[in-house]
């Protein structure tokens, strides 16, 4: 297996890899109106931490999608162990395997930046119902940076671009989201303090090179703390 950041997350089965972790997810969801009739799509569900939370706390009809088969298997095991009726679906954000207008709420937690945004965001809009809501937690660029800095960030995380807040907004507006709310997430990187809300589903016999990837992630988060930012985008139709 190639030594990449995303493969590292899959092998360790990190449950709350997105900025802010599960605590941010709980706060974000607490502002939404959800019940047993609400159909939710968790794009890039990972090991299913957020999908499980939504299903258990709000009794929503949850579909969990990921393109990483290892992550999806770990999500299935989580749901089975918790006796949760959550549909799992293999697929990509750029080509969602669902009909138009299928969901009331779509959640993307630090996922969209890793995709072809020009294809992914139109897909989000397509599968949402009229008056549907997109909640996206996304990495972004706070300031202008050098080509060398940009290359190091893109190469390590495997993202195609590092957008500014205005560039993100332009993508959401282009596909027709009419109301867009933005919240800045304050990040406090500290190599000594892992997010306690993270949970792990470890694979067997993890190569030592993947531990080095975790170390570099923490190094970059500190080195580029004034450059790498995060926003919650709430986009509605």
Protein backbone atom coordinates (compact mmCIF):
# COMPACT_ATOMS: atom_id res chain seq x y z
CA UNK A 1 0.00 0.00 0.00
CA UNK A 2 1.30 3.43 -0.98
CA UNK A 3 2.44 5.59 1.94
CA UNK A 4 -0.05 8.45 1.65
CA UNK A 5 -1.91 10.54 4.21
CA UNK A 6 -5.31 9.09 3.26
CA UNK A 7 -4.02 5.50 3.37
CA UNK A 8 -2.56 6.29 6.78
CA UNK A 9 -5.99 7.37 8.05
CA UNK A 10 -7.50 4.16 6.65
CA UNK A 11 -4.92 1.85 8.24
CA UNK A 12 -5.24 3.48 11.64
CA UNK A 13 -9.00 3.76 11.22
CA UNK A 14 -9.08 7.30 12.56
CA UNK A 15 -12.66 8.12 13.49
CA UNK A 16 -12.39 11.89 13.87
CA UNK A 17 -9.67 12.96 11.47
CA UNK A 18 -11.35 16.19 10.35
CA UNK A 19 -10.47 19.50 12.04
CA UNK A 20 -12.34 19.93 15.30
CA UNK A 21 -13.10 16.23 15.55
CA UNK A 22 -16.32 14.85 16.98
CA UNK A 23 -16.86 17.84 19.27
CA UNK A 24 -17.15 20.17 16.27
CA UNK A 25 -19.47 17.69 14.54
CA UNK A 26 -21.79 17.56 17.57
CA UNK A 27 -21.97 21.36 17.76
CA UNK A 28 -22.60 21.72 14.04
CA UNK A 29 -25.38 19.12 14.01
CA UNK A 30 -27.05 20.55 17.11
CA UNK A 31 -28.14 23.56 15.02
CA UNK A 32 -30.01 21.42 12.49
CA UNK A 33 -33.58 20.12 12.65
CA UNK A 34 -33.42 16.34 12.20
CA UNK A 35 -35.72 13.47 13.07
CA UNK A 36 -36.63 9.97 11.90
CA UNK A 37 -37.93 11.31 8.58
CA UNK A 38 -34.66 13.08 7.71
CA UNK A 39 -32.56 11.42 5.00
CA UNK A 40 -28.85 12.08 5.51
CA UNK A 41 -25.88 11.31 3.26
CA UNK A 42 -22.45 11.19 4.91
CA UNK A 43 -19.98 11.59 2.03
CA UNK A 44 -16.53 10.24 2.82
CA UNK A 45 -17.87 8.58 5.95
CA UNK A 46 -14.54 7.02 6.91
CA UNK A 47 -14.99 4.57 9.78
CA UNK A 48 -18.53 5.83 10.33
CA UNK A 49 -18.13 7.85 13.52
CA UNK A 50 -20.40 10.69 12.39
CA UNK A 51 -22.96 8.42 10.69
CA UNK A 52 -23.29 6.42 13.90
CA UNK A 53 -23.75 9.60 15.94
CA UNK A 54 -26.52 10.88 13.65
CA UNK A 55 -28.34 7.55 13.54
CA UNK A 56 -28.18 7.01 17.30
CA UNK A 57 -28.92 10.54 18.46
CA UNK A 58 -31.40 11.74 15.83
CA UNK A 59 -32.80 8.43 14.49
CA UNK A 60 -32.28 9.73 10.95
CA UNK A 61 -32.20 7.57 7.83
CA UNK A 62 -28.44 7.60 7.21
CA UNK A 63 -26.46 6.51 4.16
CA UNK A 64 -22.68 6.31 4.62
CA UNK A 65 -20.55 6.52 1.47
CA UNK A 66 -16.80 6.15 0.96
CA UNK A 67 -14.49 5.20 -1.91
CA UNK A 68 -11.90 3.63 0.43
CA UNK A 69 -12.93 0.00 0.86
CA UNK A 70 -10.90 -0.43 4.05
CA UNK A 71 -12.65 2.54 5.66
CA UNK A 72 -16.05 1.30 4.53
CA UNK A 73 -15.47 -2.16 6.02
CA UNK A 74 -14.50 -0.58 9.33
CA UNK A 75 -17.65 1.55 9.19
CA UNK A 76 -19.80 -1.56 8.61
CA UNK A 77 -18.25 -3.26 11.63
CA UNK A 78 -18.96 -0.18 13.76
CA UNK A 79 -22.61 -0.08 12.70
CA UNK A 80 -23.06 -3.82 13.28
CA UNK A 81 -21.49 -3.64 16.74
CA UNK A 82 -23.85 -0.78 17.65
CA UNK A 83 -26.86 -2.47 16.02
CA UNK A 84 -27.49 0.56 13.81
CA UNK A 85 -29.47 0.31 10.58
CA UNK A 86 -27.20 2.43 8.38
CA UNK A 87 -26.87 1.82 4.64
CA UNK A 88 -23.28 1.69 3.42
CA UNK A 89 -22.42 2.53 -0.17
CA UNK A 90 -19.16 2.35 -2.08
CA UNK A 91 -18.70 5.30 -4.43
CA UNK A 92 -17.01 8.60 -5.17
CA UNK A 93 -18.08 12.14 -4.38
CA UNK A 94 -17.58 13.11 -8.03
CA UNK A 95 -20.18 10.58 -9.21
CA UNK A 96 -22.65 9.91 -6.40
CA UNK A 97 -24.66 6.70 -7.03
CA UNK A 98 -28.00 8.23 -6.04
CA UNK A 99 -31.01 9.71 -7.80
CA UNK A 100 -31.69 13.43 -7.98
CA UNK A 101 -33.24 14.90 -4.85
CA UNK A 102 -32.57 11.90 -2.60
CA UNK A 103 -31.42 13.59 0.63
CA UNK A 104 -32.48 16.32 3.06
CA UNK A 105 -28.98 16.83 4.43
CA UNK A 106 -25.54 16.07 3.02
CA UNK A 107 -22.48 16.06 5.25
CA UNK A 108 -18.90 16.36 4.03
CA UNK A 109 -16.25 16.51 6.76
CA UNK A 110 -12.85 17.39 5.30
CA UNK A 111 -13.63 15.37 2.18
CA UNK A 112 -14.41 17.74 -0.70
CA UNK A 113 -10.90 19.24 -0.83
CA UNK A 114 -9.54 15.78 -1.67
CA UNK A 115 -11.79 15.48 -4.73
CA UNK A 116 -12.31 17.17 -8.08
CA UNK A 117 -14.34 20.06 -6.69
CA UNK A 118 -15.69 21.07 -10.10
CA UNK A 119 -17.51 17.72 -10.24
CA UNK A 120 -18.20 17.09 -6.55
CA UNK A 121 -20.09 20.24 -5.58
CA UNK A 122 -22.56 19.96 -8.50
CA UNK A 123 -23.16 16.35 -7.40
CA UNK A 124 -23.91 17.52 -3.86
CA UNK A 125 -26.55 19.89 -5.19
CA UNK A 126 -28.01 17.26 -7.52
CA UNK A 127 -28.73 14.68 -4.81
CA UNK A 128 -30.21 17.19 -2.35
CA UNK A 129 -33.96 17.73 -2.16
CA UNK A 130 -35.50 21.20 -2.61
CA UNK A 131 -34.66 23.10 0.60
CA UNK A 132 -31.89 20.57 1.25
CA UNK A 133 -28.79 21.51 3.25
CA UNK A 134 -25.08 20.88 2.66
CA UNK A 135 -22.79 20.96 5.70
CA UNK A 136 -19.11 20.99 4.72
CA UNK A 137 -16.08 21.25 6.99
CA UNK A 138 -13.22 22.18 4.69
CA UNK A 139 -9.51 22.96 4.77
CA UNK A 140 -8.60 26.29 3.24
CA UNK A 141 -5.83 28.78 2.57
CA UNK A 142 -5.82 31.79 4.89
CA UNK A 143 -3.12 33.79 3.07
CA UNK A 144 -1.11 33.83 -0.14
CA UNK A 145 1.77 31.38 -0.06
CA UNK A 146 4.85 30.53 -2.10
CA UNK A 147 4.88 27.86 -4.78
CA UNK A 148 7.21 25.76 -2.60
CA UNK A 149 4.84 25.91 0.37
CA UNK A 150 1.86 25.11 -1.82
CA UNK A 151 3.61 22.12 -3.36
CA UNK A 152 4.56 20.67 0.03
CA UNK A 153 0.97 20.92 1.29
CA UNK A 154 -0.65 19.56 -1.89
CA UNK A 155 1.86 16.72 -2.22
CA UNK A 156 1.59 15.58 1.39
CA UNK A 157 -2.19 15.68 1.75
CA UNK A 158 -2.90 14.59 -1.81
CA UNK A 159 -5.29 17.45 -2.52
CA UNK A 160 -5.57 19.04 -5.95
CA UNK A 161 -5.95 22.62 -4.74
CA UNK A 162 -5.89 24.69 -1.57
CA UNK A 163 -8.68 27.23 -1.93
CA UNK A 164 -9.31 30.52 -0.13
CA UNK A 165 -12.66 31.21 1.52
CA UNK A 166 -13.76 33.31 -1.45
CA UNK A 167 -12.80 30.57 -3.89
CA UNK A 168 -14.86 28.04 -1.92
CA UNK A 169 -17.80 30.42 -1.91
CA UNK A 170 -17.51 30.90 -5.66
CA UNK A 171 -17.80 27.13 -6.21
CA UNK A 172 -20.90 26.86 -4.01
CA UNK A 173 -22.54 29.89 -5.62
CA UNK A 174 -21.78 28.70 -9.14
CA UNK A 175 -23.92 25.56 -8.79
CA UNK A 176 -26.86 27.49 -7.36
CA UNK A 177 -26.72 27.32 -3.58
CA UNK A 178 -28.74 30.37 -2.63
CA UNK A 179 -27.91 30.81 1.04
CA UNK A 180 -24.36 30.21 2.24
CA UNK A 181 -23.30 30.67 5.85
CA UNK A 182 -19.63 30.54 6.83
CA UNK A 183 -18.12 29.89 10.25
CA UNK A 184 -14.40 30.07 10.93
CA UNK A 185 -13.07 27.16 12.95
CA UNK A 186 -10.26 28.04 15.35
CA UNK A 187 -7.52 25.42 15.14
CA UNK A 188 -5.03 24.84 17.93
CA UNK A 189 -2.45 22.35 16.64
CA UNK A 190 -0.38 20.76 19.39
CA UNK A 191 1.80 17.76 18.66
CA UNK A 192 1.57 16.66 22.30
CA UNK A 193 -2.23 16.71 22.51
CA UNK A 194 -4.23 14.48 20.21
CA UNK A 195 -7.96 15.15 19.93
CA UNK A 196 -9.46 12.96 22.67
CA UNK A 197 -12.60 12.51 20.58
CA UNK A 198 -10.62 10.51 18.01
CA UNK A 199 -11.21 6.80 18.00
CA UNK A 200 -9.20 4.19 16.17
CA UNK A 201 -9.83 0.91 14.37
CA UNK A 202 -6.33 -0.35 13.75
CA UNK A 203 -5.38 -2.66 10.92
CA UNK A 204 -2.88 -5.44 11.59
CA UNK A 205 0.84 -5.12 10.90
CA UNK A 206 0.98 -1.40 10.06
CA UNK A 207 4.27 -0.50 8.38
CA UNK A 208 6.40 1.95 10.45
CA UNK A 209 6.41 4.40 7.52
CA UNK A 210 2.79 5.24 8.27
CA UNK A 211 3.67 6.38 11.79
CA UNK A 212 6.05 8.86 10.18
CA UNK A 213 3.15 10.24 8.14
CA UNK A 214 1.29 11.06 11.37
CA UNK A 215 4.40 12.82 12.65
CA UNK A 216 4.72 14.89 9.47
CA UNK A 217 1.03 15.82 9.62
CA UNK A 218 1.54 17.30 13.09
CA UNK A 219 4.72 19.02 11.95
CA UNK A 220 2.96 20.66 9.00
CA UNK A 221 -0.05 21.67 11.06
CA UNK A 222 2.28 23.63 13.34
CA UNK A 223 4.57 24.93 10.57
CA UNK A 224 1.62 26.19 8.54
CA UNK A 225 -0.73 27.13 11.39
CA UNK A 226 -1.18 30.65 9.98
CA UNK A 227 -1.71 29.38 6.43
CA UNK A 228 -3.96 26.33 6.82
CA UNK A 229 -7.40 27.25 8.04
CA UNK A 230 -10.81 25.64 8.29
CA UNK A 231 -14.38 26.72 7.68
CA UNK A 232 -17.83 25.28 8.16
CA UNK A 233 -19.96 26.02 5.10
CA UNK A 234 -23.72 25.66 5.47
CA UNK A 235 -25.23 25.81 2.01
CA UNK A 236 -28.98 25.62 1.37
CA UNK A 237 -31.14 25.55 -1.74
